[in-house]
Amino acid sequence: MTERLSAQLDHVAVAVPDWEIAQRRWCDQLGGGIVAWGDSGVFASRQLRFANGTKLELLRPASNDPGNFVRRFLARFGSVVHHVTFKVADLGAALDVVRAGGLDVVDVDTSGSVWHEGFLRPSQVGGLVVQVAWSGATDQEWAASIGHAPEPPAPGAAELLGPTLRHPDLECARAVWTLLGAMITEEDGALRCRWPDSHLDVVIEPGEPAGPVALRMRGTPSLPAVDGTGPAVTGH
């Protein structure tokens, strides 16, 4: 039997061109509290926490270089789900499991003292970037390192449940996400992927083209996709 990844689904990330516009939806309207931010010089990020403790990362290009990967992504796809991040205790061992299961690993970076990462090809996962990472700092330690006190979600904030994806071959999707450690059930013709110790899950519906469709949230009505703001929100 193929070994499965032991990981926690930590957060989902959305590419946006501008903080102010995006935060009107995710903070002002849906109540996310900013828990941390960063700027690599290539991309800048802000992580928001919602009522059930789940996190959404807003990913913005930090340079005007047209070759910037976030800028290229926005030009091709718009403001949609960019990636999901799994956190693991040992990155090397985790990537060995993924490779043994037949998936390629690219852009591995272990140069940092508190963050190591590798990525899976979207073409093999179903149109979604998957980041596998080891972190040597807790969320609280990250926030302290930038002098920021994490903001709690606003009163009445929504709960972020996770992304909905589309895939033309659910059995292929089942094999991939099982390798990624998911416990999978079938619900209304779709696959629901869950992980221990994570409030985020992934729902995969049959259809084409493969890729992210929406974010599911509880405590809000459904909202349309708005370019510059993010993907559609399916309310529950």
Foldseek 3Di string as FASTA:
>chain_A
DQDAFAWEFAAWEWEFADDVQQCCCQPVPQFWWWLAWDDPQQKIWTWTAFDVGHIYIYIHGNDPPCPRPSNVCCVVPFTETAAIEIEDADVVVRVVSLVVLPWDWDDWDPPDPFKTWIWTDCVQQFAYIYIYMYGNDDSCRNCVVVPHHTDHGDVLHKAWAEWEKEHQDVVSNVSNVVNNVFDWDDDPQWIWTDHPPYSHIYIYHYDDDTYTAETEIERDDWACDDGNHYHTYHYD
